[in-house]
């Protein structure tokens, strides 16, 4: 199955957005006073899990977009 260029571009942009958004989000959560109280709090751990899952999903979506753009470049038989 091939994905069109427009959809592939959107997927790549979503992957780039994940690289911008989630590290910054984690940095902000790390600095939040609610994150630490004699160790990591549930607030921090839940947001850490959210960040990891979303970052991994964003990378996978971006990778699919790159594969789609590469496939759109090659001539179809």
N, C-alpha and C. Protein backbone atom coordinates (compact mmCIF):
# COMPACT_ATOMS: atom_id res chain seq x y z
N UNK A 1 0.84 -1.16 0.00
CA UNK A 1 0.00 0.00 0.00
C UNK A 1 0.89 1.24 0.00
N UNK A 2 0.54 2.22 -0.78
CA UNK A 2 1.30 3.47 -0.83
C UNK A 2 0.45 4.60 -0.28
N UNK A 3 1.12 5.49 0.41
CA UNK A 3 0.47 6.66 0.97
C UNK A 3 0.81 7.84 0.07
N UNK A 4 -0.13 8.71 -0.15
CA UNK A 4 0.11 9.88 -1.00
C UNK A 4 1.12 10.83 -0.37
N UNK A 5 1.65 11.72 -1.20
CA UNK A 5 2.65 12.68 -0.72
C UNK A 5 2.10 13.60 0.36
N UNK A 6 0.87 14.06 0.19
CA UNK A 6 0.28 14.97 1.16
C UNK A 6 0.15 14.34 2.54
N UNK A 7 -0.36 13.13 2.57
CA UNK A 7 -0.52 12.42 3.84
C UNK A 7 0.84 12.10 4.43
N UNK A 8 1.77 11.67 3.60
CA UNK A 8 3.12 11.37 4.08
C UNK A 8 3.79 12.60 4.68
N UNK A 9 3.60 13.73 4.04
CA UNK A 9 4.18 14.97 4.56
C UNK A 9 3.58 15.32 5.91
N UNK A 10 2.27 15.16 6.05
CA UNK A 10 1.62 15.41 7.35
C UNK A 10 2.17 14.48 8.42
N UNK A 11 2.41 13.23 8.08
CA UNK A 11 2.95 12.28 9.05
C UNK A 11 4.36 12.67 9.47
N UNK A 12 5.18 13.09 8.52
CA UNK A 12 6.53 13.53 8.85
C UNK A 12 6.49 14.77 9.74
N UNK A 13 5.62 15.72 9.40
CA UNK A 13 5.49 16.93 10.22
C UNK A 13 5.03 16.59 11.63
N UNK A 14 4.15 15.61 11.76
CA UNK A 14 3.73 15.16 13.09
C UNK A 14 4.91 14.58 13.86
N UNK A 15 5.76 13.82 13.19
CA UNK A 15 6.95 13.27 13.84
C UNK A 15 7.89 14.37 14.29
N UNK A 16 8.07 15.39 13.47
CA UNK A 16 8.92 16.53 13.85
C UNK A 16 8.30 17.26 15.04
N UNK A 17 6.98 17.45 15.00
CA UNK A 17 6.28 18.10 16.11
C UNK A 17 6.52 17.33 17.41
N UNK A 18 6.53 16.01 17.35
CA UNK A 18 6.79 15.20 18.55
C UNK A 18 8.17 15.47 19.11
N UNK A 19 9.16 15.66 18.24
CA UNK A 19 10.52 15.95 18.68
C UNK A 19 10.62 17.33 19.32
N UNK A 20 9.75 18.25 18.92
CA UNK A 20 9.73 19.59 19.51
C UNK A 20 8.94 19.59 20.81
N UNK A 21 7.79 18.99 20.82
CA UNK A 21 6.85 19.08 21.93
C UNK A 21 7.26 18.25 23.15
N UNK A 22 7.49 16.96 22.98
CA UNK A 22 7.61 16.07 24.14
C UNK A 22 8.88 16.26 24.97
N UNK A 23 10.05 16.51 24.38
CA UNK A 23 11.20 16.81 25.26
C UNK A 23 10.98 18.08 26.08
N UNK A 24 10.37 19.09 25.47
CA UNK A 24 10.09 20.32 26.20
C UNK A 24 9.06 20.08 27.31
N UNK A 25 8.05 19.27 27.03
CA UNK A 25 7.05 18.92 28.03
C UNK A 25 7.70 18.22 29.21
N UNK A 26 8.59 17.27 28.93
CA UNK A 26 9.26 16.54 30.01
C UNK A 26 10.15 17.47 30.83
N UNK A 27 10.83 18.39 30.17
CA UNK A 27 11.66 19.36 30.89
C UNK A 27 10.80 20.19 31.84
N UNK A 28 9.62 20.60 31.38
CA UNK A 28 8.73 21.40 32.22
C UNK A 28 8.15 20.58 33.38
N UNK A 29 7.81 19.34 33.13
CA UNK A 29 7.29 18.48 34.20
C UNK A 29 8.39 18.21 35.22
N UNK A 30 9.62 17.99 34.75
CA UNK A 30 10.75 17.75 35.64
C UNK A 30 10.94 18.91 36.62
N UNK A 31 10.74 20.13 36.13
CA UNK A 31 10.95 21.32 36.95
C UNK A 31 9.75 21.66 37.83
N UNK A 32 8.62 21.00 37.62
CA UNK A 32 7.41 21.30 38.38
C UNK A 32 7.56 20.85 39.83
N UNK A 33 7.09 21.66 40.76
CA UNK A 33 7.19 21.33 42.18
C UNK A 33 6.41 20.08 42.56
N UNK A 34 5.37 19.76 41.80
CA UNK A 34 4.55 18.58 42.11
C UNK A 34 5.22 17.27 41.72
N UNK A 35 6.34 17.34 41.00
CA UNK A 35 7.00 16.13 40.50
C UNK A 35 7.87 15.42 41.53
N UNK A 36 8.34 16.14 42.53
CA UNK A 36 9.30 15.57 43.47
C UNK A 36 8.88 15.83 44.91
N UNK A 37 8.91 14.77 45.71
CA UNK A 37 8.65 14.86 47.14
C UNK A 37 9.34 13.64 47.75
N UNK A 38 10.60 13.79 48.11
CA UNK A 38 11.41 12.64 48.56
C UNK A 38 11.42 11.54 47.50
N UNK A 39 11.56 11.94 46.28
CA UNK A 39 11.56 11.02 45.15
C UNK A 39 10.46 11.42 44.17
N UNK A 40 10.35 10.66 43.11
CA UNK A 40 9.35 10.96 42.08
C UNK A 40 7.95 10.72 42.62
N UNK A 41 7.03 11.60 42.26
CA UNK A 41 5.64 11.46 42.67
C UNK A 41 4.85 10.77 41.56
N UNK A 42 3.62 10.39 41.88
CA UNK A 42 2.74 9.79 40.88
C UNK A 42 2.49 10.76 39.74
N UNK A 43 2.38 12.04 40.06
CA UNK A 43 2.21 13.08 39.05
C UNK A 43 3.32 13.00 38.01
N UNK A 44 4.56 12.90 38.47
CA UNK A 44 5.69 12.84 37.56
C UNK A 44 5.70 11.53 36.78
N UNK A 45 5.46 10.42 37.45
CA UNK A 45 5.53 9.11 36.78
C UNK A 45 4.46 8.96 35.71
N UNK A 46 3.27 9.47 35.98
CA UNK A 46 2.20 9.40 34.98
C UNK A 46 2.56 10.25 33.77
N UNK A 47 3.07 11.46 34.02
CA UNK A 47 3.44 12.31 32.90
C UNK A 47 4.67 11.79 32.16
N UNK A 48 5.56 11.12 32.87
CA UNK A 48 6.70 10.48 32.20
C UNK A 48 6.22 9.37 31.27
N UNK A 49 5.29 8.55 31.73
CA UNK A 49 4.74 7.49 30.89
C UNK A 49 4.03 8.08 29.67
N UNK A 50 3.26 9.13 29.88
CA UNK A 50 2.57 9.80 28.78
C UNK A 50 3.59 10.32 27.76
N UNK A 51 4.66 10.91 28.25
CA UNK A 51 5.69 11.45 27.36
C UNK A 51 6.37 10.35 26.56
N UNK A 52 6.73 9.27 27.21
CA UNK A 52 7.42 8.17 26.52
C UNK A 52 6.53 7.56 25.45
N UNK A 53 5.30 7.24 25.80
CA UNK A 53 4.38 6.62 24.83
C UNK A 53 4.12 7.55 23.66
N UNK A 54 3.88 8.82 23.93
CA UNK A 54 3.59 9.78 22.87
C UNK A 54 4.81 10.02 21.99
N UNK A 55 5.99 10.07 22.58
CA UNK A 55 7.21 10.27 21.81
C UNK A 55 7.49 9.08 20.90
N UNK A 56 7.31 7.89 21.42
CA UNK A 56 7.52 6.68 20.61
C UNK A 56 6.49 6.62 19.48
N UNK A 57 5.24 6.93 19.79
CA UNK A 57 4.20 6.93 18.75
C UNK A 57 4.51 7.99 17.69
N UNK A 58 4.94 9.17 18.11
CA UNK A 58 5.30 10.23 17.16
C UNK A 58 6.44 9.82 16.25
N UNK A 59 7.42 9.12 16.81
CA UNK A 59 8.53 8.63 15.99
C UNK A 59 8.06 7.59 14.98
N UNK A 60 7.19 6.69 15.42
CA UNK A 60 6.66 5.67 14.51
C UNK A 60 5.84 6.31 13.39
N UNK A 61 5.04 7.30 13.72
CA UNK A 61 4.23 7.98 12.72
C UNK A 61 5.13 8.74 11.74
N UNK A 62 6.14 9.42 12.25
CA UNK A 62 7.09 10.11 11.38
C UNK A 62 7.83 9.16 10.47
N UNK A 63 8.21 8.00 11.01
CA UNK A 63 8.90 6.99 10.20
C UNK A 63 8.00 6.49 9.06
N UNK A 64 6.70 6.29 9.36
CA UNK A 64 5.76 5.88 8.31
C UNK A 64 5.66 6.96 7.23
N UNK A 65 5.68 8.22 7.65
CA UNK A 65 5.65 9.31 6.68
C UNK A 65 6.88 9.32 5.79
N UNK A 66 8.04 9.09 6.37
CA UNK A 66 9.28 9.03 5.57
C UNK A 66 9.21 7.87 4.59
N UNK A 67 8.76 6.72 5.06
CA UNK A 67 8.62 5.57 4.16
C UNK A 67 7.64 5.87 3.04
N UNK A 68 6.55 6.59 3.37
CA UNK A 68 5.57 6.96 2.35
C UNK A 68 6.15 7.91 1.33
N UNK A 69 6.94 8.88 1.77
CA UNK A 69 7.57 9.81 0.82
C UNK A 69 8.58 9.09 -0.07
N UNK A 70 9.32 8.17 0.49
CA UNK A 70 10.28 7.39 -0.31
C UNK A 70 9.56 6.53 -1.33
N UNK A 71 8.46 5.92 -0.92
CA UNK A 71 7.70 5.06 -1.85
C UNK A 71 7.06 5.90 -2.95
N UNK A 72 6.64 7.13 -2.63
CA UNK A 72 6.02 7.98 -3.64
C UNK A 72 7.05 8.46 -4.67
N UNK A 73 8.32 8.47 -4.29
CA UNK A 73 9.39 8.89 -5.20
C UNK A 73 9.73 7.83 -6.23
N UNK A 74 9.61 6.57 -5.85
CA UNK A 74 10.00 5.48 -6.75
C UNK A 74 8.89 5.25 -7.78
N UNK A 75 9.28 4.94 -9.03
CA UNK A 75 8.27 4.70 -10.06
C UNK A 75 7.48 3.42 -9.79
N UNK A 76 6.20 3.48 -10.09
CA UNK A 76 5.35 2.30 -9.88
C UNK A 76 5.46 1.40 -11.12
N UNK A 77 5.45 0.07 -10.88
CA UNK A 77 5.57 -0.86 -12.03
C UNK A 77 4.31 -0.89 -12.88
